[in-house]
C-alpha atoms as a PDB file:
ATOM      1  CA  MET A   1       0.098   0.060  -0.060  1.00  0.00           C
ATOM      2  CA  THR A   2       1.481   3.397  -1.093  1.00  0.00           C
ATOM      3  CA  THR A   3       0.941   6.697   0.507  1.00  0.00           C
ATOM      4  CA  THR A   4       1.202  10.133  -1.114  1.00  0.00           C
ATOM      5  CA  ASP A   5       2.661  12.938   0.769  1.00  0.00           C
ATOM      6  CA  ILE A   6       0.507  16.058   1.045  1.00  0.00           C
ATOM      7  CA  PRO A   7       2.584  19.195   0.701  1.00  0.00           C
ATOM      8  CA  ARG A   8       2.347  21.270   3.819  1.00  0.00           C
ATOM      9  CA  PRO A   9       1.775  25.009   3.603  1.00  0.00           C
ATOM     10  CA  LEU A  10       4.862  27.223   3.939  1.00  0.00           C
ATOM     11  CA  ASP A  11       5.188  29.010   7.137  1.00  0.00           C
ATOM     12  CA  ALA A  12       5.567  32.877   7.163  1.00  0.00           C
ATOM     13  CA  GLU A  13       9.438  32.761   7.267  1.00  0.00           C
ATOM     14  CA  ALA A  14       9.782  30.387   4.453  1.00  0.00           C
ATOM     15  CA  GLU A  15       7.280  32.267   2.245  1.00  0.00           C
ATOM     16  CA  GLN A  16       9.129  35.502   2.955  1.00  0.00           C
ATOM     17  CA  ALA A  17      12.504  33.910   1.930  1.00  0.00           C
ATOM     18  CA  VAL A  18      10.913  32.610  -1.326  1.00  0.00           C
ATOM     19  CA  SER A  19       9.519  36.031  -2.144  1.00  0.00           C
ATOM     20  CA  LYS A  20      12.822  37.549  -1.724  1.00  0.00           C
ATOM     21  CA  LYS A  21      14.212  35.301  -4.565  1.00  0.00           C
ATOM     22  CA  ARG A  22      11.557  36.131  -6.967  1.00  0.00           C
ATOM     23  CA  PRO A  23      12.553  38.680  -9.682  1.00  0.00           C
ATOM     24  CA  ARG A  24      11.310  42.261  -9.199  1.00  0.00           C
ATOM     25  CA  ASN A  25       8.586  43.574 -11.459  1.00  0.00           C
ATOM     26  CA  ALA A  26      10.422  44.625 -14.654  1.00  0.00           C
ATOM     27  CA  ALA A  27       7.567  46.903 -15.698  1.00  0.00           C
ATOM     28  CA  GLY A  28       7.581  48.816 -12.381  1.00  0.00           C
ATOM     29  CA  GLY A  29      11.441  49.066 -12.350  1.00  0.00           C
ATOM     30  CA  GLY A  30      11.460  50.360 -15.983  1.00  0.00           C
ATOM     31  CA  LEU A  31       8.856  53.002 -15.072  1.00  0.00           C
ATOM     32  CA  ARG A  32      10.712  54.242 -12.075  1.00  0.00           C
ATOM     33  CA  ARG A  33      13.757  54.611 -14.164  1.00  0.00           C
ATOM     34  CA  ALA A  34      11.918  56.334 -16.986  1.00  0.00           C
ATOM     35  CA  VAL A  35      10.235  58.885 -14.733  1.00  0.00           C
ATOM     36  CA  PRO A  36      13.383  60.787 -13.797  1.00  0.00           C
ATOM     37  CA  ALA A  37      14.462  60.911 -17.488  1.00  0.00           C
ATOM     38  CA  THR A  38      11.043  62.189 -18.569  1.00  0.00           C
ATOM     39  CA  THR A  39      11.019  64.932 -15.803  1.00  0.00           C
ATOM     40  CA  LEU A  40      14.442  66.017 -16.959  1.00  0.00           C
ATOM     41  CA  LEU A  41      13.227  66.272 -20.655  1.00  0.00           C
ATOM     42  CA  TRP A  42      10.283  68.236 -19.518  1.00  0.00           C
ATOM     43  CA  ILE A  43      12.544  70.687 -17.573  1.00  0.00           C
ATOM     44  CA  LEU A  44      14.834  71.196 -20.614  1.00  0.00           C
ATOM     45  CA  ALA A  45      11.802  71.670 -22.918  1.00  0.00           C
ATOM     46  CA  CYS A  46      10.482  74.301 -20.509  1.00  0.00           C
ATOM     47  CA  LEU A  47      14.046  76.054 -20.363  1.00  0.00           C
ATOM     48  CA  TYR A  48      14.210  76.089 -24.134  1.00  0.00           C
ATOM     49  CA  GLY A  49      10.652  77.079 -24.826  1.00  0.00           C
ATOM     50  CA  LEU A  50      10.327  79.873 -22.398  1.00  0.00           C
ATOM     51  CA  PRO A  51      12.447  82.291 -24.482  1.00  0.00           C
ATOM     52  CA  VAL A  52      10.449  81.415 -27.666  1.00  0.00           C
ATOM     53  CA  LEU A  53       7.253  81.902 -25.848  1.00  0.00           C
ATOM     54  CA  TRP A  54       8.422  85.310 -24.524  1.00  0.00           C
ATOM     55  CA  PHE A  55       9.523  86.182 -27.989  1.00  0.00           C
ATOM     56  CA  ILE A  56       6.067  85.314 -29.484  1.00  0.00           C
ATOM     57  CA  LEU A  57       4.129  87.002 -26.793  1.00  0.00           C
ATOM     58  CA  SER A  58       6.402  90.058 -27.052  1.00  0.00           C
ATOM     59  CA  SER A  59       5.482  90.447 -30.692  1.00  0.00           C
ATOM     60  CA  LEU A  60       1.852  90.926 -29.723  1.00  0.00           C
ATOM     61  CA  LYS A  61       2.637  93.803 -27.319  1.00  0.00           C
ATOM     62  CA  PRO A  62       2.375  97.532 -28.321  1.00  0.00           C
ATOM     63  CA  ALA A  63       5.640  99.132 -28.798  1.00  0.00           C
ATOM     64  CA  GLY A  64       5.322 101.173 -25.639  1.00  0.00           C
ATOM     65  CA  ASP A  65       4.952  97.873 -23.450  1.00  0.00           C
ATOM     66  CA  LEU A  66       7.994  96.073 -24.491  1.00  0.00           C
ATOM     67  CA  PHE A  67      10.346  97.907 -22.139  1.00  0.00           C
ATOM     68  CA  SER A  68       7.885  98.798 -19.428  1.00  0.00           C
ATOM     69  CA  TYR A  69       8.733  98.085 -15.921  1.00  0.00           C
ATOM     70  CA  PRO A  70       8.054  95.628 -14.438  1.00  0.00           C
ATOM     71  CA  LEU A  71       8.407  93.246 -17.343  1.00  0.00           C
ATOM     72  CA  THR A  72       5.439  91.026 -18.056  1.00  0.00           C
ATOM     73  CA  LEU A  73       5.177  87.888 -19.949  1.00  0.00           C
ATOM     74  CA  VAL A  74       1.613  88.035 -21.063  1.00  0.00           C
ATOM     75  CA  PRO A  75       0.568  91.195 -22.943  1.00  0.00           C
ATOM     76  CA  HIS A  76      -2.077  93.367 -21.354  1.00  0.00           C
ATOM     77  CA  ASP A  77      -3.252  94.718 -24.768  1.00  0.00           C
ATOM     78  CA  VAL A  78      -2.895  92.280 -27.560  1.00  0.00           C
ATOM     79  CA  THR A  79      -2.294  93.901 -30.885  1.00  0.00           C
ATOM     80  CA  LEU A  80      -1.342  92.796 -34.358  1.00  0.00           C
ATOM     81  CA  SER A  81       0.153  96.195 -35.418  1.00  0.00           C
ATOM     82  CA  GLY A  82       3.695  94.931 -35.534  1.00  0.00           C
ATOM     83  CA  TYR A  83       2.712  92.141 -38.019  1.00  0.00           C
ATOM     84  CA  LEU A  84       0.771  94.447 -40.230  1.00  0.00           C
ATOM     85  CA  THR A  85       3.363  97.163 -40.143  1.00  0.00           C
ATOM     86  CA  ALA A  86       5.908  94.720 -41.069  1.00  0.00           C
ATOM     87  CA  TRP A  87       4.077  93.076 -43.771  1.00  0.00           C
ATOM     88  CA  ARG A  88       3.149  96.484 -45.297  1.00  0.00           C
ATOM     89  CA  SER A  89       6.379  98.279 -44.864  1.00  0.00           C
ATOM     90  CA  ALA A  90       8.671  95.678 -46.334  1.00  0.00           C
ATOM     91  CA  ASN A  91       8.059  93.819 -49.543  1.00  0.00           C
ATOM     92  CA  PHE A  92       7.476  90.517 -47.657  1.00  0.00           C
ATOM     93  CA  SER A  93       5.552  88.824 -50.367  1.00  0.00           C
ATOM     94  CA  GLN A  94       8.407  89.251 -52.720  1.00  0.00           C
ATOM     95  CA  TYR A  95      10.909  88.173 -50.058  1.00  0.00           C
ATOM     96  CA  PHE A  96       8.909  85.045 -49.193  1.00  0.00           C
ATOM     97  CA  ALA A  97       8.587  84.006 -52.984  1.00  0.00           C
ATOM     98  CA  ASN A  98      12.305  84.550 -53.381  1.00  0.00           C
ATOM     99  CA  THR A  99      13.214  82.538 -50.302  1.00  0.00           C
ATOM    100  CA  ALA A 100      10.725  79.766 -51.231  1.00  0.00           C
ATOM    101  CA  LEU A 101      12.210  79.526 -54.653  1.00  0.00           C
ATOM    102  CA  VAL A 102      15.770  79.212 -53.417  1.00  0.00           C
ATOM    103  CA  CYS A 103      14.947  76.785 -50.645  1.00  0.00           C
ATOM    104  CA  VAL A 104      12.876  74.425 -52.607  1.00  0.00           C
ATOM    105  CA  ILE A 105      15.418  74.251 -55.575  1.00  0.00           C
ATOM    106  CA  THR A 106      18.334  73.928 -53.145  1.00  0.00           C
ATOM    107  CA  THR A 107      16.684  71.280 -50.999  1.00  0.00           C
ATOM    108  CA  ILE A 108      15.814  69.119 -54.076  1.00  0.00           C
ATOM    109  CA  LEU A 109      19.156  69.403 -55.445  1.00  0.00           C
ATOM    110  CA  THR A 110      20.875  68.782 -51.921  1.00  0.00           C
ATOM    111  CA  VAL A 111      18.783  65.665 -51.398  1.00  0.00           C
ATOM    112  CA  GLY A 112      19.559  64.205 -54.899  1.00  0.00           C
ATOM    113  CA  VAL A 113      23.241  64.998 -54.879  1.00  0.00           C
ATOM    114  CA  SER A 114      23.770  63.754 -51.356  1.00  0.00           C
ATOM    115  CA  CYS A 115      21.858  60.537 -51.962  1.00  0.00           C
ATOM    116  CA  CYS A 116      24.108  59.727 -55.183  1.00  0.00           C
ATOM    117  CA  THR A 117      27.174  60.664 -53.436  1.00  0.00           C
ATOM    118  CA  GLY A 118      26.483  58.729 -50.336  1.00  0.00           C
ATOM    119  CA  TYR A 119      25.645  55.570 -52.303  1.00  0.00           C
ATOM    120  CA  ALA A 120      28.882  55.774 -54.284  1.00  0.00           C
ATOM    121  CA  LEU A 121      30.822  56.295 -51.126  1.00  0.00           C
ATOM    122  CA  ALA A 122      29.237  53.373 -49.291  1.00  0.00           C
ATOM    123  CA  LYS A 123      28.933  50.744 -52.059  1.00  0.00           C
ATOM    124  CA  TYR A 124      31.898  51.182 -54.389  1.00  0.00           C
ATOM    125  CA  ASP A 125      35.257  50.249 -53.295  1.00  0.00           C
ATOM    126  CA  ASN A 126      37.708  52.818 -54.728  1.00  0.00           C
ATOM    127  CA  LYS A 127      40.645  54.599 -53.065  1.00  0.00           C
ATOM    128  CA  TRP A 128      39.830  57.859 -54.797  1.00  0.00           C
ATOM    129  CA  LEU A 129      36.288  57.814 -53.415  1.00  0.00           C
ATOM    130  CA  LYS A 130      37.733  57.419 -50.008  1.00  0.00           C
ATOM    131  CA  VAL A 131      40.044  60.409 -50.616  1.00  0.00           C
ATOM    132  CA  PHE A 132      36.995  62.381 -51.766  1.00  0.00           C
ATOM    133  CA  PHE A 133      35.094  61.468 -48.701  1.00  0.00           C
ATOM    134  CA  VAL A 134      37.937  62.610 -46.506  1.00  0.00           C
ATOM    135  CA  CYS A 135      37.981  65.961 -48.466  1.00  0.00           C
ATOM    136  CA  ILE A 136      34.276  66.348 -47.911  1.00  0.00           C
ATOM    137  CA  LEU A 137      34.552  65.827 -44.105  1.00  0.00           C
ATOM    138  CA  ALA A 138      37.592  68.082 -44.015  1.00  0.00           C
ATOM    139  CA  THR A 139      35.246  70.987 -44.963  1.00  0.00           C
ATOM    140  CA  THR A 140      33.530  70.672 -41.635  1.00  0.00           C
ATOM    141  CA  MET A 141      36.695  71.416 -39.854  1.00  0.00           C
ATOM    142  CA  LEU A 142      36.805  75.010 -41.425  1.00  0.00           C
ATOM    143  CA  PRO A 143      34.686  77.908 -40.266  1.00  0.00           C
ATOM    144  CA  GLY A 144      32.150  79.000 -42.664  1.00  0.00           C
ATOM    145  CA  GLU A 145      33.559  82.483 -42.919  1.00  0.00           C
ATOM    146  CA  VAL A 146      36.931  81.182 -44.183  1.00  0.00           C
ATOM    147  CA  MET A 147      35.090  79.723 -47.238  1.00  0.00           C
ATOM    148  CA  LEU A 148      33.135  82.875 -48.030  1.00  0.00           C
ATOM    149  CA  ALA A 149      35.937  84.785 -49.898  1.00  0.00           C
ATOM    150  CA  PRO A 150      36.973  81.901 -52.311  1.00  0.00           C
ATOM    151  CA  GLU A 151      33.304  80.935 -53.002  1.00  0.00           C
ATOM    152  CA  PHE A 152      32.524  84.496 -53.797  1.00  0.00           C
ATOM    153  CA  LEU A 153      35.296  84.827 -56.253  1.00  0.00           C
ATOM    154  CA  VAL A 154      34.420  81.487 -58.014  1.00  0.00           C
ATOM    155  CA  VAL A 155      30.731  82.467 -58.220  1.00  0.00           C
ATOM    156  CA  ARG A 156      31.607  86.033 -59.463  1.00  0.00           C
ATOM    157  CA  ASP A 157      34.002  84.680 -62.154  1.00  0.00           C
ATOM    158  CA  LEU A 158      31.386  82.302 -63.373  1.00  0.00           C
ATOM    159  CA  GLY A 159      29.030  85.258 -64.054  1.00  0.00           C
ATOM    160  CA  LEU A 160      26.580  84.250 -61.269  1.00  0.00           C
ATOM    161  CA  TYR A 161      26.747  87.341 -59.185  1.00  0.00           C
ATOM    162  CA  ASN A 162      23.475  88.804 -58.097  1.00  0.00           C
ATOM    163  CA  SER A 163      21.362  85.712 -59.304  1.00  0.00           C
ATOM    164  CA  PHE A 164      19.613  83.045 -57.600  1.00  0.00           C
ATOM    165  CA  ALA A 165      21.915  80.458 -59.192  1.00  0.00           C
ATOM    166  CA  GLY A 166      24.903  82.030 -57.372  1.00  0.00           C
ATOM    167  CA  VAL A 167      22.912  81.523 -54.026  1.00  0.00           C
ATOM    168  CA  ILE A 168      21.879  77.962 -54.840  1.00  0.00           C
ATOM    169  CA  LEU A 169      24.883  76.259 -56.463  1.00  0.00           C
ATOM    170  CA  PRO A 170      27.422  76.622 -53.488  1.00  0.00           C
ATOM    171  CA  ALA A 171      24.896  75.089 -50.986  1.00  0.00           C
ATOM    172  CA  VAL A 172      23.990  72.013 -53.055  1.00  0.00           C
ATOM    173  CA  LEU A 173      26.641  69.692 -51.739  1.00  0.00           C
ATOM    174  CA  THR A 174      26.884  69.408 -47.925  1.00  0.00           C
ATOM    175  CA  ALA A 175      29.132  67.220 -45.846  1.00  0.00           C
ATOM    176  CA  THR A 176      26.370  66.570 -43.477  1.00  0.00           C
ATOM    177  CA  GLY A 177      24.031  65.203 -46.284  1.00  0.00           C
ATOM    178  CA  CYS A 178      26.876  63.064 -47.817  1.00  0.00           C
ATOM    179  CA  PHE A 179      27.738  61.678 -44.376  1.00  0.00           C
ATOM    180  CA  MET A 180      24.060  60.890 -43.515  1.00  0.00           C
ATOM    181  CA  PHE A 181      23.416  58.957 -46.612  1.00  0.00           C
ATOM    182  CA  ARG A 182      26.784  57.144 -46.627  1.00  0.00           C
ATOM    183  CA  GLN A 183      26.245  55.981 -43.061  1.00  0.00           C
ATOM    184  CA  PHE A 184      22.749  54.702 -43.951  1.00  0.00           C
ATOM    185  CA  PHE A 185      23.679  52.781 -47.031  1.00  0.00           C
ATOM    186  CA  LEU A 186      26.502  51.134 -45.058  1.00  0.00           C
ATOM    187  CA  THR A 187      23.850  49.523 -43.092  1.00  0.00           C
ATOM    188  CA  VAL A 188      22.124  48.064 -46.159  1.00  0.00           C
ATOM    189  CA  PRO A 189      23.445  44.454 -46.706  1.00  0.00           C
ATOM    190  CA  ASP A 190      25.595  44.001 -49.843  1.00  0.00           C
ATOM    191  CA  GLU A 191      23.738  40.877 -50.536  1.00  0.00           C
ATOM    192  CA  LEU A 192      20.700  42.858 -51.353  1.00  0.00           C
ATOM    193  CA  VAL A 193      22.607  44.580 -54.160  1.00  0.00           C
ATOM    194  CA  GLU A 194      24.329  41.366 -55.307  1.00  0.00           C
ATOM    195  CA  ALA A 195      20.984  39.677 -55.490  1.00  0.00           C
ATOM    196  CA  ALA A 196      19.542  42.531 -57.693  1.00  0.00           C
ATOM    197  CA  ARG A 197      22.715  42.237 -59.923  1.00  0.00           C
ATOM    198  CA  ILE A 198      22.221  38.463 -60.329  1.00  0.00           C
ATOM    199  CA  ASP A 199      18.636  39.062 -61.227  1.00  0.00           C
ATOM    200  CA  GLY A 200      19.946  41.219 -64.113  1.00  0.00           C
ATOM    201  CA  ALA A 201      19.150  44.756 -62.673  1.00  0.00           C
ATOM    202  CA  ARG A 202      21.416  47.617 -63.808  1.00  0.00           C
ATOM    203  CA  GLU A 203      23.194  49.883 -61.491  1.00  0.00           C
ATOM    204  CA  LEU A 204      20.824  52.810 -62.100  1.00  0.00           C
ATOM    205  CA  SER A 205      17.930  50.535 -61.663  1.00  0.00           C
ATOM    206  CA  ILE A 206      19.262  49.220 -58.267  1.00  0.00           C
ATOM    207  CA  PHE A 207      19.771  52.773 -57.023  1.00  0.00           C
ATOM    208  CA  LEU A 208      16.420  54.101 -58.164  1.00  0.00           C
ATOM    209  CA  ARG A 209      14.134  51.061 -57.310  1.00  0.00           C
ATOM    210  CA  ILE A 210      15.993  49.649 -54.198  1.00  0.00           C
ATOM    211  CA  MET A 211      18.217  52.207 -52.558  1.00  0.00           C
ATOM    212  CA  VAL A 212      16.043  55.394 -52.929  1.00  0.00           C
ATOM    213  CA  PRO A 213      13.014  53.973 -51.508  1.00  0.00           C
ATOM    214  CA  LEU A 214      14.916  52.508 -48.544  1.00  0.00           C
ATOM    215  CA  SER A 215      16.531  55.889 -47.807  1.00  0.00           C
ATOM    216  CA  ARG A 216      13.203  57.869 -47.625  1.00  0.00           C
ATOM    217  CA  PRO A 217      13.530  58.644 -43.843  1.00  0.00           C
ATOM    218  CA  ILE A 218      16.933  60.077 -44.397  1.00  0.00           C
ATOM    219  CA  MET A 219      15.815  61.992 -47.422  1.00  0.00           C
ATOM    220  CA  LEU A 220      13.000  63.594 -45.508  1.00  0.00           C
ATOM    221  CA  THR A 221      15.264  64.338 -42.534  1.00  0.00           C
ATOM    222  CA  LEU A 222      17.806  65.953 -44.833  1.00  0.00           C
ATOM    223  CA  ALA A 223      15.015  67.816 -46.659  1.00  0.00           C
ATOM    224  CA  ILE A 224      13.816  69.406 -43.395  1.00  0.00           C
ATOM    225  CA  LEU A 225      17.392  70.251 -42.371  1.00  0.00           C
ATOM    226  CA  SER A 226      18.312  71.742 -45.753  1.00  0.00           C
ATOM    227  CA  PHE A 227      15.204  73.963 -46.009  1.00  0.00           C
ATOM    228  CA  GLN A 228      15.861  75.263 -42.633  1.00  0.00           C
ATOM    229  CA  TRP A 229      19.479  76.018 -43.367  1.00  0.00           C
ATOM    230  CA  ARG A 230      18.639  77.921 -46.564  1.00  0.00           C
ATOM    231  CA  TRP A 231      15.575  79.783 -45.067  1.00  0.00           C
ATOM    232  CA  ASN A 232      17.750  81.096 -42.220  1.00  0.00           C
ATOM    233  CA  ASP A 233      20.899  81.828 -44.331  1.00  0.00           C
ATOM    234  CA  TYR A 234      21.813  85.456 -44.061  1.00  0.00           C
ATOM    235  CA  ILE A 235      25.451  86.031 -44.932  1.00  0.00           C
ATOM    236  CA  TRP A 236      25.702  84.377 -48.260  1.00  0.00           C
ATOM    237  CA  PRO A 237      22.564  85.922 -49.803  1.00  0.00           C
ATOM    238  CA  LEU A 238      23.742  89.283 -48.410  1.00  0.00           C
ATOM    239  CA  LEU A 239      27.102  89.013 -50.220  1.00  0.00           C
ATOM    240  CA  MET A 240      25.604  87.638 -53.405  1.00  0.00           C
ATOM    241  CA  LEU A 241      22.542  89.819 -54.030  1.00  0.00           C
ATOM    242  CA  ASN A 242      22.278  93.558 -54.542  1.00  0.00           C
ATOM    243  CA  ASP A 243      19.008  93.815 -56.243  1.00  0.00           C
ATOM    244  CA  PRO A 244      16.134  94.510 -53.717  1.00  0.00           C
ATOM    245  CA  ASN A 245      13.668  92.479 -55.773  1.00  0.00           C
ATOM    246  CA  LYS A 246      15.824  89.363 -55.261  1.00  0.00           C
ATOM    247  CA  PHE A 247      16.364  89.720 -51.507  1.00  0.00           C
ATOM    248  CA  THR A 248      15.411  86.911 -49.173  1.00  0.00           C
ATOM    249  CA  VAL A 249      13.486  87.134 -45.998  1.00  0.00           C
ATOM    250  CA  GLN A 250      16.344  87.415 -43.670  1.00  0.00           C
ATOM    251  CA  ILE A 251      17.740  90.396 -45.689  1.00  0.00           C
ATOM    252  CA  GLY A 252      14.293  91.859 -45.685  1.00  0.00           C
ATOM    253  CA  ILE A 253      14.233  91.691 -41.791  1.00  0.00           C
ATOM    254  CA  GLN A 254      17.569  93.254 -41.657  1.00  0.00           C
ATOM    255  CA  SER A 255      16.248  96.200 -43.878  1.00  0.00           C
ATOM    256  CA  ILE A 256      13.685  96.999 -41.166  1.00  0.00           C
ATOM    257  CA  VAL A 257      16.338  97.883 -38.630  1.00  0.00           C
ATOM    258  CA  GLY A 258      16.921 101.653 -39.006  1.00  0.00           C
ATOM    259  CA  ALA A 259      20.289 103.449 -38.668  1.00  0.00           C
ATOM    260  CA  GLN A 260      19.297 105.632 -35.727  1.00  0.00           C
ATOM    261  CA  ASN A 261      16.564 103.554 -33.948  1.00  0.00           C
ATOM    262  CA  ILE A 262      14.852 100.164 -34.067  1.00  0.00           C
ATOM    263  CA  ASN A 263      11.137  99.577 -34.064  1.00  0.00           C
ATOM    264  CA  TRP A 264      11.240  96.474 -31.910  1.00  0.00           C
ATOM    265  CA  SER A 265       7.510  95.800 -32.395  1.00  0.00           C
ATOM    266  CA  VAL A 266       7.770  95.645 -36.122  1.00  0.00           C
ATOM    267  CA  LEU A 267      11.044  93.876 -35.982  1.00  0.00           C
ATOM    268  CA  LEU A 268       9.469  91.085 -33.616  1.00  0.00           C
ATOM    269  CA  GLY A 269       6.469  90.780 -35.910  1.00  0.00           C
ATOM    270  CA  ALA A 270       8.562  90.338 -38.918  1.00  0.00           C
ATOM    271  CA  SER A 271      10.700  87.685 -37.143  1.00  0.00           C
ATOM    272  CA  VAL A 272       7.625  85.719 -36.100  1.00  0.00           C
ATOM    273  CA  ILE A 273       6.419  85.846 -39.671  1.00  0.00           C
ATOM    274  CA  SER A 274       9.628  84.411 -40.955  1.00  0.00           C
ATOM    275  CA  ILE A 275       9.544  81.421 -38.726  1.00  0.00           C
ATOM    276  CA  ILE A 276       5.926  80.315 -39.769  1.00  0.00           C
ATOM    277  CA  PRO A 277       7.091  78.477 -42.898  1.00  0.00           C
ATOM    278  CA  LEU A 278       9.753  76.492 -40.937  1.00  0.00           C
ATOM    279  CA  ILE A 279       7.154  75.323 -38.292  1.00  0.00           C
ATOM    280  CA  ALA A 280       4.825  74.341 -41.061  1.00  0.00           C
ATOM    281  CA  VAL A 281       7.367  72.367 -43.002  1.00  0.00           C
ATOM    282  CA  PHE A 282       8.374  70.474 -39.785  1.00  0.00           C
ATOM    283  CA  LEU A 283       4.804  69.635 -38.729  1.00  0.00           C
ATOM    284  CA  VAL A 284       4.054  68.352 -42.176  1.00  0.00           C
ATOM    285  CA  PHE A 285       7.093  66.143 -42.675  1.00  0.00           C
ATOM    286  CA  GLN A 286       7.923  64.937 -39.061  1.00  0.00           C
ATOM    287  CA  ARG A 287       5.279  62.282 -39.033  1.00  0.00           C
ATOM    288  CA  TYR A 288       6.847  60.731 -42.226  1.00  0.00           C
ATOM    289  CA  VAL A 289      10.144  60.669 -40.617  1.00  0.00           C
ATOM    290  CA  MET A 290       9.009  59.306 -37.241  1.00  0.00           C
ATOM    291  CA  ASN A 291       6.668  56.591 -38.756  1.00  0.00           C
ATOM    292  CA  ALA A 292       9.034  55.437 -41.495  1.00  0.00           C
ATOM    293  CA  ASP A 293      10.700  52.063 -41.168  1.00  0.00           C
ATOM    294  CA  ILE A 294      14.376  52.433 -42.015  1.00  0.00           C
ATOM    295  CA  ASN A 295      14.855  48.636 -42.099  1.00  0.00           C
ATOM    296  CA  ALA A 296      11.791  48.032 -44.494  1.00  0.00           C
ATOM    297  CA  GLY A 297      12.584  45.252 -47.065  1.00  0.00           C
ATOM    298  CA  LEU A 298      15.586  43.965 -45.114  1.00  0.00           C
ATOM    299  CA  LYS A 299      15.884  40.728 -43.396  1.00  0.00           C
ATOM    300  CA  ASP A 300      17.794  40.116 -40.199  1.00  0.00           C
END
């Protein structure tokens, strides 16, 4: 006759010892670690956003309230006179059209040239390409002011002075764009390219049908950055253009500043108007960048 042992319930001390050996709740620990980081990010966001908020709210104040004591963040009397005066006094519609033309053309060319250059630097094994890449990176070690004089002389000798082409062409090839695309294409397996070649695809077809669709997140990111760079560019258009009908937005804002005094209300209104297209471009394209899958079409 056999007997079965009935397990006895654990006493309090044994149950406590077993509970100590159990792993902690991973979700709770991760949440506790994430809260301080999230709080720090919110603090940094507030520190960064406060000057921007002050700048925008100050543009809604009358000119007499900008330097009144004590300083106030929220305007007592909201007015749009600074915006209206800025838009009417300066030829902002023409400035916006000129800047939009320069930014759109430059952005398209920058993305296209950077994509082609990055693909060649990443997927073709040639020592001269490596030297060319080093030369491109070397330009980032020089201040932009050092390059202004030789660039101006070259553009002037080419007969492009006081033209939009003279503003666009020097800004087409950027070290940042080439580096971004090169680093991305290095992550694409070479087996994918070899498989396409075995199937009979030509180099141009491989680039246009495989590499370009895969690099869409990088293209959109560089497009946003390039548009922002060209929209905020001030020194180079100032050197290159002398026709008021070809001025960009940043030069137009500078023209509002008088020799003896500055109408701060008008200047703030013009500055806020100038950042609206940048915000619109970012809001339109950011969801495509955030939601895109960089590894789409690739296998682990």
